[in-house]
C-alpha atoms as a PDB file:
ATOM      1  CA  MET A   1     -45.454  -1.305 -20.627  1.00  0.00           C
ATOM      2  CA  GLY A   2     -44.752   1.724 -18.425  1.00  0.00           C
ATOM      3  CA  THR A   3     -44.444  -0.486 -15.332  1.00  0.00           C
ATOM      4  CA  LYS A   4     -41.774  -2.679 -16.945  1.00  0.00           C
ATOM      5  CA  ARG A   5     -39.796   0.386 -17.959  1.00  0.00           C
ATOM      6  CA  THR A   6     -40.039   1.809 -14.425  1.00  0.00           C
ATOM      7  CA  ILE A   7     -38.855  -1.476 -12.904  1.00  0.00           C
ATOM      8  CA  ILE A   8     -35.913  -1.676 -15.318  1.00  0.00           C
ATOM      9  CA  ILE A   9     -34.933   1.922 -14.538  1.00  0.00           C
ATOM     10  CA  LEU A  10     -35.161   1.294 -10.779  1.00  0.00           C
ATOM     11  CA  ILE A  11     -33.053  -1.875 -11.010  1.00  0.00           C
ATOM     12  CA  THR A  12     -30.465  -0.084 -13.150  1.00  0.00           C
ATOM     13  CA  LEU A  13     -30.268   2.787 -10.668  1.00  0.00           C
ATOM     14  CA  ALA A  14     -30.007   0.429  -7.695  1.00  0.00           C
ATOM     15  CA  VAL A  15     -27.118  -1.472  -9.280  1.00  0.00           C
ATOM     16  CA  ALA A  16     -25.367   1.742 -10.331  1.00  0.00           C
ATOM     17  CA  LEU A  17     -25.609   3.218  -6.854  1.00  0.00           C
ATOM     18  CA  LEU A  18     -24.266   0.182  -5.010  1.00  0.00           C
ATOM     19  CA  PRO A  19     -20.847   0.886  -3.496  1.00  0.00           C
ATOM     20  CA  LEU A  20     -18.040  -0.333  -5.708  1.00  0.00           C
ATOM     21  CA  HIS A  21     -15.054  -2.070  -4.205  1.00  0.00           C
ATOM     22  CA  SER A  22     -12.518  -4.085  -6.107  1.00  0.00           C
ATOM     23  CA  GLU A  23      -9.389  -5.415  -4.498  1.00  0.00           C
ATOM     24  CA  ILE A  24      -6.309  -6.926  -6.068  1.00  0.00           C
ATOM     25  CA  ALA A  25      -6.296 -10.696  -5.562  1.00  0.00           C
ATOM     26  CA  PRO A  26      -4.164 -11.930  -2.622  1.00  0.00           C
ATOM     27  CA  GLU A  27      -2.087 -13.980  -5.080  1.00  0.00           C
ATOM     28  CA  GLU A  28      -1.091 -10.784  -6.888  1.00  0.00           C
ATOM     29  CA  TYR A  29      -0.018  -9.114  -3.647  1.00  0.00           C
ATOM     30  CA  ARG A  30       1.992 -12.251  -2.810  1.00  0.00           C
ATOM     31  CA  ASN A  31       3.642 -12.146  -6.261  1.00  0.00           C
ATOM     32  CA  MET A  32       4.595  -8.511  -5.656  1.00  0.00           C
ATOM     33  CA  GLN A  33       6.054  -9.442  -2.253  1.00  0.00           C
ATOM     34  CA  LEU A  34       8.014 -12.330  -3.791  1.00  0.00           C
ATOM     35  CA  SER A  35       9.393 -10.144  -6.571  1.00  0.00           C
ATOM     36  CA  ALA A  36      10.336  -7.211  -4.316  1.00  0.00           C
ATOM     37  CA  PRO A  37      14.096  -6.607  -4.561  1.00  0.00           C
ATOM     38  CA  ASP A  38      14.394  -6.162  -0.804  1.00  0.00           C
ATOM     39  CA  ALA A  39      12.444  -8.120   1.825  1.00  0.00           C
ATOM     40  CA  ILE A  40      13.381  -6.957   5.310  1.00  0.00           C
ATOM     41  CA  ILE A  41      12.081  -6.287   8.800  1.00  0.00           C
ATOM     42  CA  ILE A  42      12.327  -2.687   9.987  1.00  0.00           C
ATOM     43  CA  LYS A  43      11.739  -0.608  13.081  1.00  0.00           C
ATOM     44  CA  VAL A  44      10.304   2.818  12.319  1.00  0.00           C
ATOM     45  CA  ILE A  45      12.373   5.595  13.886  1.00  0.00           C
ATOM     46  CA  ARG A  46      10.693   8.681  12.462  1.00  0.00           C
ATOM     47  CA  VAL A  47       7.638   9.460  10.348  1.00  0.00           C
ATOM     48  CA  THR A  48       6.992  12.733   8.568  1.00  0.00           C
ATOM     49  CA  SER A  49       3.939  13.328   6.440  1.00  0.00           C
ATOM     50  CA  SER A  50       2.499  16.201   4.463  1.00  0.00           C
ATOM     51  CA  GLY A  51      -0.565  16.726   2.343  1.00  0.00           C
ATOM     52  CA  GLY A  52      -3.068  19.313   1.288  1.00  0.00           C
ATOM     53  CA  LEU A  53      -5.989  20.152   3.540  1.00  0.00           C
ATOM     54  CA  PHE A  54      -8.595  18.843   1.105  1.00  0.00           C
ATOM     55  CA  SER A  55      -6.384  16.280  -0.582  1.00  0.00           C
ATOM     56  CA  ARG A  56      -6.875  12.534  -0.352  1.00  0.00           C
ATOM     57  CA  THR A  57      -3.127  11.952  -0.683  1.00  0.00           C
ATOM     58  CA  THR A  58      -0.443  12.255   1.971  1.00  0.00           C
ATOM     59  CA  ASN A  59       3.271  12.190   1.201  1.00  0.00           C
ATOM     60  CA  VAL A  60       5.025   9.988   3.750  1.00  0.00           C
ATOM     61  CA  ARG A  61       8.734   9.802   4.609  1.00  0.00           C
ATOM     62  CA  ILE A  62       9.908   7.053   6.966  1.00  0.00           C
ATOM     63  CA  GLN A  63      13.296   6.791   8.669  1.00  0.00           C
ATOM     64  CA  ALA A  64      13.830   3.183   9.739  1.00  0.00           C
ATOM     65  CA  GLU A  65      16.428   0.807  11.092  1.00  0.00           C
ATOM     66  CA  VAL A  66      16.879  -2.541   9.376  1.00  0.00           C
ATOM     67  CA  LEU A  67      16.456  -5.300  11.966  1.00  0.00           C
ATOM     68  CA  GLU A  68      16.582  -8.381   9.738  1.00  0.00           C
ATOM     69  CA  VAL A  69      17.253  -9.072   6.069  1.00  0.00           C
ATOM     70  CA  ASN A  70      15.509 -11.911   4.236  1.00  0.00           C
ATOM     71  CA  ARG A  71      16.844 -10.833   0.823  1.00  0.00           C
ATOM     72  CA  SER A  72      18.391  -7.645  -0.490  1.00  0.00           C
ATOM     73  CA  GLU A  73      19.462  -6.687  -3.988  1.00  0.00           C
ATOM     74  CA  SER A  74      20.723  -3.376  -2.591  1.00  0.00           C
ATOM     75  CA  ASN A  75      22.997  -5.098  -0.038  1.00  0.00           C
ATOM     76  CA  LEU A  76      21.134  -3.988   3.067  1.00  0.00           C
ATOM     77  CA  SER A  77      22.209  -5.470   6.379  1.00  0.00           C
ATOM     78  CA  ALA A  78      20.942  -5.400   9.953  1.00  0.00           C
ATOM     79  CA  GLY A  79      21.664  -2.067  11.619  1.00  0.00           C
ATOM     80  CA  ASP A  80      21.442   0.010   8.421  1.00  0.00           C
ATOM     81  CA  ARG A  81      19.343   3.186   8.530  1.00  0.00           C
ATOM     82  CA  ILE A  82      17.141   3.753   5.498  1.00  0.00           C
ATOM     83  CA  THR A  83      14.588   6.219   4.175  1.00  0.00           C
ATOM     84  CA  ILE A  84      11.327   5.013   2.636  1.00  0.00           C
ATOM     85  CA  VAL A  85       9.089   7.445   0.740  1.00  0.00           C
ATOM     86  CA  TYR A  86       5.600   6.852  -0.582  1.00  0.00           C
ATOM     87  CA  GLU A  87       2.162   8.298  -1.069  1.00  0.00           C
ATOM     88  CA  HIS A  88      -0.747   7.262   1.142  1.00  0.00           C
ATOM     89  CA  TYR A  89      -4.165   7.536  -0.491  1.00  0.00           C
ATOM     90  CA  ARG A  90      -7.302   7.904   1.608  1.00  0.00           C
ATOM     91  CA  PRO A  91     -10.052   6.485  -0.617  1.00  0.00           C
ATOM     92  CA  PRO A  92     -13.641   7.691  -0.470  1.00  0.00           C
ATOM     93  CA  LYS A  93     -15.934   5.725   1.821  1.00  0.00           C
ATOM     94  CA  GLN A  94     -17.977   4.429  -1.133  1.00  0.00           C
ATOM     95  CA  GLY A  95     -17.354   3.881  -4.792  1.00  0.00           C
ATOM     96  CA  TRP A  96     -13.638   3.089  -4.544  1.00  0.00           C
ATOM     97  CA  ALA A  97     -12.204   0.431  -6.834  1.00  0.00           C
ATOM     98  CA  GLY A  98      -8.522  -0.362  -6.850  1.00  0.00           C
ATOM     99  CA  PRO A  99      -5.598  -1.545  -4.772  1.00  0.00           C
ATOM    100  CA  ARG A 100      -5.621  -0.948  -1.035  1.00  0.00           C
ATOM    101  CA  SER A 101      -3.707   2.028   0.274  1.00  0.00           C
ATOM    102  CA  ILE A 102      -0.244   1.783   1.736  1.00  0.00           C
ATOM    103  CA  PRO A 103      -0.707   2.507   5.448  1.00  0.00           C
ATOM    104  CA  ILE A 104       1.047   5.331   7.272  1.00  0.00           C
ATOM    105  CA  LEU A 105       3.464   3.588   9.613  1.00  0.00           C
ATOM    106  CA  LYS A 106       3.862   4.728  13.223  1.00  0.00           C
ATOM    107  CA  ARG A 107       7.029   5.591  15.117  1.00  0.00           C
ATOM    108  CA  GLY A 108       8.300   2.580  17.062  1.00  0.00           C
ATOM    109  CA  GLU A 109       6.415   0.097  14.876  1.00  0.00           C
ATOM    110  CA  THR A 110       8.242  -3.061  13.774  1.00  0.00           C
ATOM    111  CA  THR A 111       7.071  -4.504  10.467  1.00  0.00           C
ATOM    112  CA  PHE A 112       7.977  -6.412   7.344  1.00  0.00           C
ATOM    113  CA  ALA A 113       8.982  -4.189   4.422  1.00  0.00           C
ATOM    114  CA  PHE A 114       8.916  -5.217   0.775  1.00  0.00           C
ATOM    115  CA  ILE A 115      10.779  -2.370  -0.888  1.00  0.00           C
ATOM    116  CA  ALA A 116      12.904  -1.323  -3.861  1.00  0.00           C
ATOM    117  CA  PHE A 117      15.531   1.395  -4.164  1.00  0.00           C
ATOM    118  CA  ASP A 118      14.444   4.331  -6.348  1.00  0.00           C
ATOM    119  CA  PHE A 119      17.435   6.185  -7.799  1.00  0.00           C
ATOM    120  CA  GLU A 120      15.359   9.286  -8.634  1.00  0.00           C
ATOM    121  CA  GLU A 121      14.064   9.582  -5.059  1.00  0.00           C
ATOM    122  CA  LYS A 122      17.413   8.441  -3.618  1.00  0.00           C
ATOM    123  CA  ALA A 123      15.322   6.438  -1.172  1.00  0.00           C
ATOM    124  CA  TYR A 124      13.406   3.183  -0.927  1.00  0.00           C
ATOM    125  CA  VAL A 125       9.816   2.860  -2.125  1.00  0.00           C
ATOM    126  CA  PRO A 126       7.132   0.223  -1.417  1.00  0.00           C
ATOM    127  CA  ALA A 127       7.282  -2.674  -3.896  1.00  0.00           C
ATOM    128  CA  ALA A 128       4.025  -4.498  -3.082  1.00  0.00           C
ATOM    129  CA  LYS A 129       1.441  -1.691  -2.992  1.00  0.00           C
ATOM    130  CA  GLY A 130      -0.868  -2.083   0.037  1.00  0.00           C
ATOM    131  CA  ALA A 131       0.923  -5.293   1.107  1.00  0.00           C
ATOM    132  CA  SER A 132       4.361  -3.648   1.291  1.00  0.00           C
ATOM    133  CA  PHE A 133       4.321  -3.449   5.088  1.00  0.00           C
ATOM    134  CA  GLU A 134       2.470  -6.672   5.921  1.00  0.00           C
ATOM    135  CA  MET A 135       3.485 -10.186   6.848  1.00  0.00           C
ATOM    136  CA  PRO A 136       4.223 -12.303   3.779  1.00  0.00           C
ATOM    137  CA  ILE A 137       0.994 -13.621   2.326  1.00  0.00           C
ATOM    138  CA  PRO A 138       1.076 -17.443   2.580  1.00  0.00           C
ATOM    139  CA  LEU A 139       1.329 -19.495  -0.584  1.00  0.00           C
ATOM    140  CA  ARG A 140      -1.581 -21.830  -1.305  1.00  0.00           C
END
């Protein structure tokens, strides 16, 4: 009887201590990309970031030039300069469950941007979580 209990406890502990990782399904990221008000290609001109020393979050502010417009509810056009603000989260190495972090873009980088204008921020914000600055996810 004691051996069975020990085995059950060990199995329970082993399962509980396994690293957790849950990602949003690619179809959901694609839906977010498709429903983003603005789908453009940008070139990053300037990146500023700030965050606490022991914080997992970094506030990011991007200055970018619009190179190409696929669709835009905010009437963006090639050559426009825009500001994009967002929070980058650096998840723990193990035990993280949730959507992937929005990457910190680099100066000079050219990338897709799925964004929306935020009137409170008076700037654009990512509209597809961790897939906001990635190539469009192909439809299946």
